Amino acid sequence: AEAVEVAGTTLAEVLTALRDEIRVLSADHQELRREVEELKAAQQ
């Protein structure tokens, strides 16, 4: 029940921000992989 603080921010806020950043990076990664697949298909 105790809030852990990291540089004035609660641990829950830090973890939420990290989760959101991972989701954005994952989406970017998937988009790049799709583009690579499209480029490969275009070169065939």
PDB file of all heavy atoms in Angstrom:
ATOM      1  N   ALA A   1       0.819  -1.212   0.000  1.00  0.00           N
ATOM      2  CA  ALA A   1       0.000   0.000   0.000  1.00  0.00           C
ATOM      3  C   ALA A   1       0.854   1.264   0.000  1.00  0.00           C
ATOM      4  O   ALA A   1       0.376   2.345  -0.292  1.00  0.00           O
ATOM      5  CB  ALA A   1      -0.919  -0.011   1.220  1.00  0.00           C
ATOM      6  N   GLU A   2       2.120   1.117   0.342  1.00  0.00           N
ATOM      7  CA  GLU A   2       3.025   2.263   0.450  1.00  0.00           C
ATOM      8  C   GLU A   2       3.507   2.671  -0.941  1.00  0.00           C
ATOM      9  O   GLU A   2       3.875   1.842  -1.753  1.00  0.00           O
ATOM     10  CB  GLU A   2       4.218   1.812   1.303  1.00  0.00           C
ATOM     11  CG  GLU A   2       5.216   2.866   1.638  1.00  0.00           C
ATOM     12  CD  GLU A   2       6.307   2.277   2.512  1.00  0.00           C
ATOM     13  OE1 GLU A   2       5.999   1.463   3.381  1.00  0.00           O
ATOM     14  OE2 GLU A   2       7.463   2.631   2.288  1.00  0.00           O
ATOM     15  N   ALA A   3       3.492   3.963  -1.242  1.00  0.00           N
ATOM     16  CA  ALA A   3       3.966   4.448  -2.541  1.00  0.00           C
ATOM     17  C   ALA A   3       5.473   4.607  -2.493  1.00  0.00           C
ATOM     18  O   ALA A   3       6.012   5.275  -1.621  1.00  0.00           O
ATOM     19  CB  ALA A   3       3.304   5.777  -2.875  1.00  0.00           C
ATOM     20  N   VAL A   4       6.156   3.980  -3.437  1.00  0.00           N
ATOM     21  CA  VAL A   4       7.600   4.099  -3.531  1.00  0.00           C
ATOM     22  C   VAL A   4       7.891   5.277  -4.442  1.00  0.00           C
ATOM     23  O   VAL A   4       7.347   5.386  -5.531  1.00  0.00           O
ATOM     24  CB  VAL A   4       8.209   2.805  -4.123  1.00  0.00           C
ATOM     25  CG1 VAL A   4       9.699   2.941  -4.258  1.00  0.00           C
ATOM     26  CG2 VAL A   4       7.850   1.623  -3.251  1.00  0.00           C
ATOM     27  N   GLU A   5       8.755   6.195  -4.009  1.00  0.00           N
ATOM     28  CA  GLU A   5       9.057   7.363  -4.822  1.00  0.00           C
ATOM     29  C   GLU A   5      10.432   7.241  -5.458  1.00  0.00           C
ATOM     30  O   GLU A   5      11.383   6.830  -4.828  1.00  0.00           O
ATOM     31  CB  GLU A   5       8.978   8.628  -3.978  1.00  0.00           C
ATOM     32  CG  GLU A   5       7.571   8.904  -3.501  1.00  0.00           C
ATOM     33  CD  GLU A   5       7.226  10.365  -3.518  1.00  0.00           C
ATOM     34  OE1 GLU A   5       7.993  11.160  -4.056  1.00  0.00           O
ATOM     35  OE2 GLU A   5       6.167  10.683  -2.970  1.00  0.00           O
ATOM     36  N   VAL A   6      10.493   7.591  -6.744  1.00  0.00           N
ATOM     37  CA  VAL A   6      11.737   7.614  -7.492  1.00  0.00           C
ATOM     38  C   VAL A   6      11.845   9.015  -8.081  1.00  0.00           C
ATOM     39  O   VAL A   6      11.081   9.378  -8.963  1.00  0.00           O
ATOM     40  CB  VAL A   6      11.726   6.562  -8.623  1.00  0.00           C
ATOM     41  CG1 VAL A   6      13.001   6.647  -9.434  1.00  0.00           C
ATOM     42  CG2 VAL A   6      11.503   5.176  -8.064  1.00  0.00           C
ATOM     43  N   ALA A   7      12.780   9.809  -7.555  1.00  0.00           N
ATOM     44  CA  ALA A   7      12.998  11.184  -8.008  1.00  0.00           C
ATOM     45  C   ALA A   7      11.687  11.980  -8.038  1.00  0.00           C
ATOM     46  O   ALA A   7      11.367  12.626  -9.010  1.00  0.00           O
ATOM     47  CB  ALA A   7      13.664  11.195  -9.372  1.00  0.00           C
ATOM     48  N   GLY A   8      10.896  11.866  -6.962  1.00  0.00           N
ATOM     49  CA  GLY A   8       9.658  12.627  -6.856  1.00  0.00           C
ATOM     50  C   GLY A   8       8.486  12.022  -7.608  1.00  0.00           C
ATOM     51  O   GLY A   8       7.416  12.594  -7.631  1.00  0.00           O
ATOM     52  N   THR A   9       8.683  10.889  -8.246  1.00  0.00           N
ATOM     53  CA  THR A   9       7.619  10.228  -8.993  1.00  0.00           C
ATOM     54  C   THR A   9       7.370   8.870  -8.367  1.00  0.00           C
ATOM     55  O   THR A   9       8.304   8.171  -8.010  1.00  0.00           O
ATOM     56  CB  THR A   9       8.049  10.030 -10.463  1.00  0.00           C
ATOM     57  OG1 THR A   9       8.496  11.272 -10.979  1.00  0.00           O
ATOM     58  CG2 THR A   9       6.918   9.517 -11.298  1.00  0.00           C
ATOM     59  N   THR A  10       6.107   8.481  -8.260  1.00  0.00           N
ATOM     60  CA  THR A  10       5.817   7.175  -7.672  1.00  0.00           C
ATOM     61  C   THR A  10       6.257   6.077  -8.629  1.00  0.00           C
ATOM     62  O   THR A  10       6.319   6.278  -9.848  1.00  0.00           O
ATOM     63  CB  THR A  10       4.320   7.001  -7.352  1.00  0.00           C
ATOM     64  OG1 THR A  10       3.590   7.002  -8.574  1.00  0.00           O
ATOM     65  CG2 THR A  10       3.820   8.068  -6.405  1.00  0.00           C
ATOM     66  N   LEU A  11       6.540   4.932  -8.080  1.00  0.00           N
ATOM     67  CA  LEU A  11       6.969   3.786  -8.882  1.00  0.00           C
ATOM     68  C   LEU A  11       5.886   3.412  -9.894  1.00  0.00           C
ATOM     69  O   LEU A  11       6.194   3.078 -11.036  1.00  0.00           O
ATOM     70  CB  LEU A  11       7.289   2.603  -7.969  1.00  0.00           C
ATOM     71  CG  LEU A  11       7.811   1.346  -8.638  1.00  0.00           C
ATOM     72  CD1 LEU A  11       9.089   1.649  -9.413  1.00  0.00           C
ATOM     73  CD2 LEU A  11       8.077   0.272  -7.600  1.00  0.00           C
ATOM     74  N   ALA A  12       4.638   3.514  -9.489  1.00  0.00           N
ATOM     75  CA  ALA A  12       3.542   3.186 -10.407  1.00  0.00           C
ATOM     76  C   ALA A  12       3.564   4.109 -11.630  1.00  0.00           C
ATOM     77  O   ALA A  12       3.346   3.660 -12.758  1.00  0.00           O
ATOM     78  CB  ALA A  12       2.204   3.294  -9.694  1.00  0.00           C
ATOM     79  N   GLU A  13       3.845   5.401 -11.414  1.00  0.00           N
ATOM     80  CA  GLU A  13       3.912   6.342 -12.539  1.00  0.00           C
ATOM     81  C   GLU A  13       5.085   6.014 -13.456  1.00  0.00           C
ATOM     82  O   GLU A  13       4.968   6.086 -14.680  1.00  0.00           O
ATOM     83  CB  GLU A  13       4.028   7.776 -12.030  1.00  0.00           C
ATOM     84  CG  GLU A  13       2.768   8.289 -11.351  1.00  0.00           C
ATOM     85  CD  GLU A  13       2.981   9.611 -10.626  1.00  0.00           C
ATOM     86  OE1 GLU A  13       4.123   9.896 -10.215  1.00  0.00           O
ATOM     87  OE2 GLU A  13       1.996  10.351 -10.493  1.00  0.00           O
ATOM     88  N   VAL A  14       6.214   5.656 -12.860  1.00  0.00           N
ATOM     89  CA  VAL A  14       7.393   5.296 -13.652  1.00  0.00           C
ATOM     90  C   VAL A  14       7.100   4.047 -14.478  1.00  0.00           C
ATOM     91  O   VAL A  14       7.382   3.997 -15.681  1.00  0.00           O
ATOM     92  CB  VAL A  14       8.623   5.068 -12.740  1.00  0.00           C
ATOM     93  CG1 VAL A  14       9.782   4.473 -13.517  1.00  0.00           C
ATOM     94  CG2 VAL A  14       9.035   6.357 -12.069  1.00  0.00           C
ATOM     95  N   LEU A  15       6.500   3.045 -13.849  1.00  0.00           N
ATOM     96  CA  LEU A  15       6.195   1.800 -14.559  1.00  0.00           C
ATOM     97  C   LEU A  15       5.165   2.022 -15.662  1.00  0.00           C
ATOM     98  O   LEU A  15       5.278   1.444 -16.747  1.00  0.00           O
ATOM     99  CB  LEU A  15       5.707   0.742 -13.573  1.00  0.00           C
ATOM    100  CG  LEU A  15       6.770   0.225 -12.603  1.00  0.00           C
ATOM    101  CD1 LEU A  15       6.143  -0.712 -11.586  1.00  0.00           C
ATOM    102  CD2 LEU A  15       7.898  -0.460 -13.342  1.00  0.00           C
ATOM    103  N   THR A  16       4.181   2.863 -15.401  1.00  0.00           N
ATOM    104  CA  THR A  16       3.179   3.168 -16.420  1.00  0.00           C
ATOM    105  C   THR A  16       3.838   3.868 -17.609  1.00  0.00           C
ATOM    106  O   THR A  16       3.552   3.532 -18.763  1.00  0.00           O
ATOM    107  CB  THR A  16       2.054   4.051 -15.840  1.00  0.00           C
ATOM    108  OG1 THR A  16       1.444   3.340 -14.758  1.00  0.00           O
ATOM    109  CG2 THR A  16       1.016   4.396 -16.883  1.00  0.00           C
ATOM    110  N   ALA A  17       4.718   4.819 -17.337  1.00  0.00           N
ATOM    111  CA  ALA A  17       5.418   5.514 -18.411  1.00  0.00           C
ATOM    112  C   ALA A  17       6.290   4.544 -19.212  1.00  0.00           C
ATOM    113  O   ALA A  17       6.324   4.609 -20.449  1.00  0.00           O
ATOM    114  CB  ALA A  17       6.266   6.648 -17.845  1.00  0.00           C
ATOM    115  N   LEU A  18       6.966   3.641 -18.528  1.00  0.00           N
ATOM    116  CA  LEU A  18       7.794   2.647 -19.219  1.00  0.00           C
ATOM    117  C   LEU A  18       6.947   1.712 -20.075  1.00  0.00           C
ATOM    118  O   LEU A  18       7.304   1.401 -21.213  1.00  0.00           O
ATOM    119  CB  LEU A  18       8.614   1.838 -18.212  1.00  0.00           C
ATOM    120  CG  LEU A  18       9.788   2.567 -17.585  1.00  0.00           C
ATOM    121  CD1 LEU A  18      10.390   1.724 -16.468  1.00  0.00           C
ATOM    122  CD2 LEU A  18      10.845   2.876 -18.627  1.00  0.00           C
ATOM    123  N   ARG A  19       5.812   1.277 -19.538  1.00  0.00           N
ATOM    124  CA  ARG A  19       4.918   0.409 -20.292  1.00  0.00           C
ATOM    125  C   ARG A  19       4.450   1.115 -21.555  1.00  0.00           C
ATOM    126  O   ARG A  19       4.454   0.533 -22.636  1.00  0.00           O
ATOM    127  CB  ARG A  19       3.721   0.006 -19.444  1.00  0.00           C
ATOM    128  CG  ARG A  19       2.790  -0.974 -20.176  1.00  0.00           C
ATOM    129  CD  ARG A  19       1.427  -1.046 -19.590  1.00  0.00           C
ATOM    130  NE  ARG A  19       0.803   0.256 -19.724  1.00  0.00           N
ATOM    131  CZ  ARG A  19      -0.081   0.747 -18.867  1.00  0.00           C
ATOM    132  NH1 ARG A  19      -0.430   0.069 -17.815  1.00  0.00           N
ATOM    133  NH2 ARG A  19      -0.613   1.929 -19.062  1.00  0.00           N
ATOM    134  N   ASP A  20       4.067   2.385 -21.420  1.00  0.00           N
ATOM    135  CA  ASP A  20       3.595   3.138 -22.573  1.00  0.00           C
ATOM    136  C   ASP A  20       4.702   3.301 -23.616  1.00  0.00           C
ATOM    137  O   ASP A  20       4.458   3.191 -24.817  1.00  0.00           O
ATOM    138  CB  ASP A  20       3.068   4.505 -22.144  1.00  0.00           C
ATOM    139  CG  ASP A  20       1.799   4.398 -21.312  1.00  0.00           C
ATOM    140  OD1 ASP A  20       1.158   3.323 -21.328  1.00  0.00           O
ATOM    141  OD2 ASP A  20       1.459   5.389 -20.630  1.00  0.00           O
ATOM    142  N   GLU A  21       5.920   3.547 -23.143  1.00  0.00           N
ATOM    143  CA  GLU A  21       7.035   3.689 -24.074  1.00  0.00           C
ATOM    144  C   GLU A  21       7.342   2.370 -24.779  1.00  0.00           C
ATOM    145  O   GLU A  21       7.608   2.345 -25.983  1.00  0.00           O
ATOM    146  CB  GLU A  21       8.286   4.172 -23.332  1.00  0.00           C
ATOM    147  CG  GLU A  21       9.417   4.503 -24.267  1.00  0.00           C
ATOM    148  CD  GLU A  21      10.568   5.221 -23.590  1.00  0.00           C
ATOM    149  OE1 GLU A  21      10.371   5.799 -22.511  1.00  0.00           O
ATOM    150  OE2 GLU A  21      11.663   5.198 -24.159  1.00  0.00           O
ATOM    151  N   ILE A  22       7.251   1.273 -24.060  1.00  0.00           N
ATOM    152  CA  ILE A  22       7.470  -0.047 -24.672  1.00  0.00           C
ATOM    153  C   ILE A  22       6.418  -0.304 -25.740  1.00  0.00           C
ATOM    154  O   ILE A  22       6.726  -0.824 -26.814  1.00  0.00           O
ATOM    155  CB  ILE A  22       7.464  -1.151 -23.598  1.00  0.00           C
ATOM    156  CG1 ILE A  22       8.740  -1.078 -22.772  1.00  0.00           C
ATOM    157  CG2 ILE A  22       7.302  -2.538 -24.232  1.00  0.00           C
ATOM    158  CD1 ILE A  22       8.746  -1.968 -21.549  1.00  0.00           C
ATOM    159  N   ARG A  23       5.181   0.065 -25.473  1.00  0.00           N
ATOM    160  CA  ARG A  23       4.117  -0.132 -26.466  1.00  0.00           C
ATOM    161  C   ARG A  23       4.398   0.678 -27.727  1.00  0.00           C
ATOM    162  O   ARG A  23       4.208   0.190 -28.841  1.00  0.00           O
ATOM    163  CB  ARG A  23       2.764   0.251 -25.877  1.00  0.00           C
ATOM    164  CG  ARG A  23       2.242  -0.779 -24.917  1.00  0.00           C
ATOM    165  CD  ARG A  23       0.889  -0.411 -24.383  1.00  0.00           C
ATOM    166  NE  ARG A  23       0.386  -1.490 -23.542  1.00  0.00           N
ATOM    167  CZ  ARG A  23      -0.547  -1.346 -22.638  1.00  0.00           C
ATOM    168  NH1 ARG A  23      -1.108  -0.162 -22.448  1.00  0.00           N
ATOM    169  NH2 ARG A  23      -0.941  -2.371 -21.915  1.00  0.00           N
ATOM    170  N   VAL A  24       4.840   1.925 -27.551  1.00  0.00           N
ATOM    171  CA  VAL A  24       5.155   2.767 -28.710  1.00  0.00           C
ATOM    172  C   VAL A  24       6.317   2.167 -29.487  1.00  0.00           C
ATOM    173  O   VAL A  24       6.274   2.065 -30.721  1.00  0.00           O
ATOM    174  CB  VAL A  24       5.474   4.216 -28.258  1.00  0.00           C
ATOM    175  CG1 VAL A  24       6.074   5.024 -29.395  1.00  0.00           C
ATOM    176  CG2 VAL A  24       4.218   4.892 -27.718  1.00  0.00           C
ATOM    177  N   LEU A  25       7.356   1.761 -28.774  1.00  0.00           N
ATOM    178  CA  LEU A  25       8.509   1.163 -29.444  1.00  0.00           C
ATOM    179  C   LEU A  25       8.137  -0.133 -30.149  1.00  0.00           C
ATOM    180  O   LEU A  25       8.617  -0.409 -31.255  1.00  0.00           O
ATOM    181  CB  LEU A  25       9.638   0.915 -28.438  1.00  0.00           C
ATOM    182  CG  LEU A  25      10.330   2.170 -27.908  1.00  0.00           C
ATOM    183  CD1 LEU A  25      11.287   1.796 -26.771  1.00  0.00           C
ATOM    184  CD2 LEU A  25      11.063   2.898 -29.007  1.00  0.00           C
ATOM    185  N   SER A  26       7.286  -0.928 -29.538  1.00  0.00           N
ATOM    186  CA  SER A  26       6.845  -2.177 -30.146  1.00  0.00           C
ATOM    187  C   SER A  26       6.078  -1.903 -31.432  1.00  0.00           C
ATOM    188  O   SER A  26       6.288  -2.568 -32.447  1.00  0.00           O
ATOM    189  CB  SER A  26       5.978  -2.965 -29.170  1.00  0.00           C
ATOM    190  OG  SER A  26       5.530  -4.158 -29.751  1.00  0.00           O
ATOM    191  N   ALA A  27       5.199  -0.905 -31.399  1.00  0.00           N
ATOM    192  CA  ALA A  27       4.441  -0.541 -32.597  1.00  0.00           C
ATOM    193  C   ALA A  27       5.388  -0.037 -33.695  1.00  0.00           C
ATOM    194  O   ALA A  27       5.241  -0.405 -34.865  1.00  0.00           O
ATOM    195  CB  ALA A  27       3.401   0.519 -32.262  1.00  0.00           C
ATOM    196  N   ASP A  28       6.365   0.793 -33.310  1.00  0.00           N
ATOM    197  CA  ASP A  28       7.351   1.287 -34.281  1.00  0.00           C
ATOM    198  C   ASP A  28       8.149   0.131 -34.878  1.00  0.00           C
ATOM    199  O   ASP A  28       8.398   0.078 -36.086  1.00  0.00           O
ATOM    200  CB  ASP A  28       8.317   2.278 -33.628  1.00  0.00           C
ATOM    201  CG  ASP A  28       7.655   3.609 -33.265  1.00  0.00           C
ATOM    202  OD1 ASP A  28       6.526   3.865 -33.740  1.00  0.00           O
ATOM    203  OD2 ASP A  28       8.284   4.375 -32.501  1.00  0.00           O
ATOM    204  N   HIS A  29       8.526  -0.795 -34.027  1.00  0.00           N
ATOM    205  CA  HIS A  29       9.300  -1.957 -34.466  1.00  0.00           C
ATOM    206  C   HIS A  29       8.491  -2.790 -35.462  1.00  0.00           C
ATOM    207  O   HIS A  29       9.003  -3.210 -36.503  1.00  0.00           O
ATOM    208  CB  HIS A  29       9.706  -2.790 -33.250  1.00  0.00           C
ATOM    209  CG  HIS A  29      10.529  -3.980 -33.585  1.00  0.00           C
ATOM    210  ND1 HIS A  29      10.027  -5.245 -33.576  1.00  0.00           N
ATOM    211  CD2 HIS A  29      11.835  -4.091 -33.946  1.00  0.00           C
ATOM    212  CE1 HIS A  29      10.968  -6.091 -33.918  1.00  0.00           C
ATOM    213  NE2 HIS A  29      12.084  -5.417 -34.150  1.00  0.00           N
ATOM    214  N   GLN A  30       7.221  -3.008 -35.145  1.00  0.00           N
ATOM    215  CA  GLN A  30       6.369  -3.784 -36.047  1.00  0.00           C
ATOM    216  C   GLN A  30       6.201  -3.084 -37.391  1.00  0.00           C
ATOM    217  O   GLN A  30       6.229  -3.732 -38.437  1.00  0.00           O
ATOM    218  CB  GLN A  30       5.011  -4.031 -35.397  1.00  0.00           C
ATOM    219  CG  GLN A  30       5.082  -5.010 -34.247  1.00  0.00           C
ATOM    220  CD  GLN A  30       3.747  -5.201 -33.570  1.00  0.00           C
ATOM    221  OE1 GLN A  30       2.710  -4.952 -34.168  1.00  0.00           O
ATOM    222  NE2 GLN A  30       3.768  -5.638 -32.325  1.00  0.00           N
ATOM    223  N   GLU A  31       6.042  -1.763 -37.351  1.00  0.00           N
ATOM    224  CA  GLU A  31       5.898  -0.996 -38.589  1.00  0.00           C
ATOM    225  C   GLU A  31       7.170  -1.102 -39.433  1.00  0.00           C
ATOM    226  O   GLU A  31       7.109  -1.298 -40.658  1.00  0.00           O
ATOM    227  CB  GLU A  31       5.585   0.470 -38.284  1.00  0.00           C
ATOM    228  CG  GLU A  31       5.399   1.325 -39.508  1.00  0.00           C
ATOM    229  CD  GLU A  31       4.252   0.886 -40.397  1.00  0.00           C
ATOM    230  OE1 GLU A  31       3.252   0.343 -39.877  1.00  0.00           O
ATOM    231  OE2 GLU A  31       4.361   1.073 -41.621  1.00  0.00           O
ATOM    232  N   LEU A  32       8.326  -1.003 -38.810  1.00  0.00           N
ATOM    233  CA  LEU A  32       9.591  -1.135 -39.542  1.00  0.00           C
ATOM    234  C   LEU A  32       9.739  -2.532 -40.144  1.00  0.00           C
ATOM    235  O   LEU A  32      10.203  -2.670 -41.281  1.00  0.00           O
ATOM    236  CB  LEU A  32      10.774  -0.821 -38.624  1.00  0.00           C
ATOM    237  CG  LEU A  32      10.956   0.648 -38.256  1.00  0.00           C
ATOM    238  CD1 LEU A  32      12.020   0.791 -37.172  1.00  0.00           C
ATOM    239  CD2 LEU A  32      11.321   1.467 -39.480  1.00  0.00           C
ATOM    240  N   ARG A  33       9.339  -3.544 -39.403  1.00  0.00           N
ATOM    241  CA  ARG A  33       9.418  -4.912 -39.933  1.00  0.00           C
ATOM    242  C   ARG A  33       8.496  -5.071 -41.140  1.00  0.00           C
ATOM    243  O   ARG A  33       8.856  -5.733 -42.119  1.00  0.00           O
ATOM    244  CB  ARG A  33       9.098  -5.938 -38.860  1.00  0.00           C
ATOM    245  CG  ARG A  33      10.187  -6.021 -37.788  1.00  0.00           C
ATOM    246  CD  ARG A  33       9.959  -7.167 -36.845  1.00  0.00           C
ATOM    247  NE  ARG A  33      10.141  -8.452 -37.489  1.00  0.00           N
ATOM    248  CZ  ARG A  33      11.301  -9.077 -37.659  1.00  0.00           C
ATOM    249  NH1 ARG A  33      12.413  -8.512 -37.236  1.00  0.00           N
ATOM    250  NH2 ARG A  33      11.354 -10.251 -38.223  1.00  0.00           N
ATOM    251  N   ARG A  34       7.305  -4.463 -41.069  1.00  0.00           N
ATOM    252  CA  ARG A  34       6.384  -4.520 -42.212  1.00  0.00           C
ATOM    253  C   ARG A  34       7.008  -3.837 -43.425  1.00  0.00           C
ATOM    254  O   ARG A  34       6.921  -4.348 -44.553  1.00  0.00           O
ATOM    255  CB  ARG A  34       5.051  -3.858 -41.858  1.00  0.00           C
ATOM    256  CG  ARG A  34       4.084  -4.771 -41.143  1.00  0.00           C
ATOM    257  CD  ARG A  34       2.692  -4.162 -41.097  1.00  0.00           C
ATOM    258  NE  ARG A  34       2.617  -3.058 -40.160  1.00  0.00           N
ATOM    259  CZ  ARG A  34       2.367  -3.178 -38.866  1.00  0.00           C
ATOM    260  NH1 ARG A  34       2.183  -4.370 -38.346  1.00  0.00           N
ATOM    261  NH2 ARG A  34       2.314  -2.126 -38.088  1.00  0.00           N
ATOM    262  N   GLU A  35       7.632  -2.684 -43.219  1.00  0.00           N
ATOM    263  CA  GLU A  35       8.265  -1.966 -44.325  1.00  0.00           C
ATOM    264  C   GLU A  35       9.386  -2.795 -44.947  1.00  0.00           C
ATOM    265  O   GLU A  35       9.523  -2.835 -46.174  1.00  0.00           O
ATOM    266  CB  GLU A  35       8.800  -0.620 -43.845  1.00  0.00           C
ATOM    267  CG  GLU A  35       7.714   0.387 -43.526  1.00  0.00           C
ATOM    268  CD  GLU A  35       8.265   1.698 -42.974  1.00  0.00           C
ATOM    269  OE1 GLU A  35       9.470   1.972 -43.148  1.00  0.00           O
ATOM    270  OE2 GLU A  35       7.471   2.437 -42.378  1.00  0.00           O
ATOM    271  N   VAL A  36      10.173  -3.453 -44.099  1.00  0.00           N
ATOM    272  CA  VAL A  36      11.253  -4.309 -44.604  1.00  0.00           C
ATOM    273  C   VAL A  36      10.670  -5.450 -45.433  1.00  0.00           C
ATOM    274  O   VAL A  36      11.174  -5.768 -46.518  1.00  0.00           O
ATOM    275  CB  VAL A  36      12.121  -4.848 -43.435  1.00  0.00           C
ATOM    276  CG1 VAL A  36      13.024  -5.967 -43.896  1.00  0.00           C
ATOM    277  CG2 VAL A  36      12.925  -3.721 -42.811  1.00  0.00           C
ATOM    278  N   GLU A  37       9.597  -6.068 -44.940  1.00  0.00           N
ATOM    279  CA  GLU A  37       8.958  -7.159 -45.683  1.00  0.00           C
ATOM    280  C   GLU A  37       8.440  -6.659 -47.037  1.00  0.00           C
ATOM    281  O   GLU A  37       8.579  -7.343 -48.047  1.00  0.00           O
ATOM    282  CB  GLU A  37       7.816  -7.778 -44.866  1.00  0.00           C
ATOM    283  CG  GLU A  37       8.270  -8.550 -43.655  1.00  0.00           C
ATOM    284  CD  GLU A  37       9.114  -9.761 -44.014  1.00  0.00           C
ATOM    285  OE1 GLU A  37       8.817 -10.443 -45.022  1.00  0.00           O
ATOM    286  OE2 GLU A  37      10.082 -10.020 -43.275  1.00  0.00           O
ATOM    287  N   GLU A  38       7.843  -5.458 -47.048  1.00  0.00           N
ATOM    288  CA  GLU A  38       7.348  -4.892 -48.299  1.00  0.00           C
ATOM    289  C   GLU A  38       8.499  -4.616 -49.272  1.00  0.00           C
ATOM    290  O   GLU A  38       8.378  -4.875 -50.477  1.00  0.00           O
ATOM    291  CB  GLU A  38       6.574  -3.607 -48.025  1.00  0.00           C
ATOM    292  CG  GLU A  38       5.241  -3.844 -47.355  1.00  0.00           C
ATOM    293  CD  GLU A  38       4.559  -2.557 -46.906  1.00  0.00           C
ATOM    294  OE1 GLU A  38       5.072  -1.452 -47.217  1.00  0.00           O
ATOM    295  OE2 GLU A  38       3.512  -2.660 -46.246  1.00  0.00           O
ATOM    296  N   LEU A  39       9.605  -4.094 -48.760  1.00  0.00           N
ATOM    297  CA  LEU A  39      10.764  -3.826 -49.614  1.00  0.00           C
ATOM    298  C   LEU A  39      11.337  -5.130 -50.182  1.00  0.00           C
ATOM    299  O   LEU A  39      11.710  -5.192 -51.354  1.00  0.00           O
ATOM    300  CB  LEU A  39      11.845  -3.065 -48.847  1.00  0.00           C
ATOM    301  CG  LEU A  39      11.515  -1.603 -48.522  1.00  0.00           C
ATOM    302  CD1 LEU A  39      12.559  -1.032 -47.570  1.00  0.00           C
ATOM    303  CD2 LEU A  39      11.462  -0.791 -49.809  1.00  0.00           C
ATOM    304  N   LYS A  40      11.412  -6.152 -49.345  1.00  0.00           N
ATOM    305  CA  LYS A  40      11.885  -7.451 -49.823  1.00  0.00           C
ATOM    306  C   LYS A  40      10.977  -8.006 -50.909  1.00  0.00           C
ATOM    307  O   LYS A  40      11.455  -8.532 -51.918  1.00  0.00           O
ATOM    308  CB  LYS A  40      11.985  -8.456 -48.661  1.00  0.00           C
ATOM    309  CG  LYS A  40      13.148  -8.221 -47.743  1.00  0.00           C
ATOM    310  CD  LYS A  40      13.150  -9.279 -46.647  1.00  0.00           C
ATOM    311  CE  LYS A  40      14.277  -9.083 -45.678  1.00  0.00           C
ATOM    312  NZ  LYS A  40      14.237 -10.074 -44.586  1.00  0.00           N
ATOM    313  N   ALA A  41       9.669  -7.884 -50.670  1.00  0.00           N
ATOM    314  CA  ALA A  41       8.708  -8.390 -51.666  1.00  0.00           C
ATOM    315  C   ALA A  41       8.816  -7.604 -52.974  1.00  0.00           C
ATOM    316  O   ALA A  41       8.689  -8.181 -54.068  1.00  0.00           O
ATOM    317  CB  ALA A  41       7.284  -8.290 -51.109  1.00  0.00           C
ATOM    318  N   ALA A  42       9.062  -6.296 -52.876  1.00  0.00           N
ATOM    319  CA  ALA A  42       9.191  -5.465 -54.073  1.00  0.00           C
ATOM    320  C   ALA A  42      10.455  -5.813 -54.873  1.00  0.00           C
ATOM    321  O   ALA A  42      10.491  -5.653 -56.089  1.00  0.00           O
ATOM    322  CB  ALA A  42       9.187  -3.993 -53.701  1.00  0.00           C
ATOM    323  N   GLN A  43      11.495  -6.285 -54.194  1.00  0.00           N
ATOM    324  CA  GLN A  43      12.753  -6.618 -54.861  1.00  0.00           C
ATOM    325  C   GLN A  43      12.736  -8.005 -55.484  1.00  0.00           C
ATOM    326  O   GLN A  43      13.583  -8.329 -56.298  1.00  0.00           O
ATOM    327  CB  GLN A  43      13.913  -6.512 -53.876  1.00  0.00           C
ATOM    328  CG  GLN A  43      14.215  -5.097 -53.477  1.00  0.00           C
ATOM    329  CD  GLN A  43      15.346  -5.035 -52.460  1.00  0.00           C
ATOM    330  OE1 GLN A  43      15.766  -6.051 -51.898  1.00  0.00           O
ATOM    331  NE2 GLN A  43      15.830  -3.828 -52.208  1.00  0.00           N
ATOM    332  N   GLN A  44      11.772  -8.827 -55.087  1.00  0.00           N
ATOM    333  CA  GLN A  44      11.671 -10.192 -55.647  1.00  0.00           C
ATOM    334  C   GLN A  44      11.304 -10.106 -57.126  1.00  0.00           C
ATOM    335  O   GLN A  44      10.416  -9.334 -57.498  1.00  0.00           O
ATOM    336  CB  GLN A  44      10.590 -10.990 -54.906  1.00  0.00           C
ATOM    337  CG  GLN A  44      10.859 -11.155 -53.431  1.00  0.00           C
ATOM    338  CD  GLN A  44      11.543 -12.464 -53.137  1.00  0.00           C
ATOM    339  OE1 GLN A  44      11.403 -13.411 -53.871  1.00  0.00           O
ATOM    340  NE2 GLN A  44      12.289 -12.496 -52.052  1.00  0.00           N
TER     341      GLN A  44
END
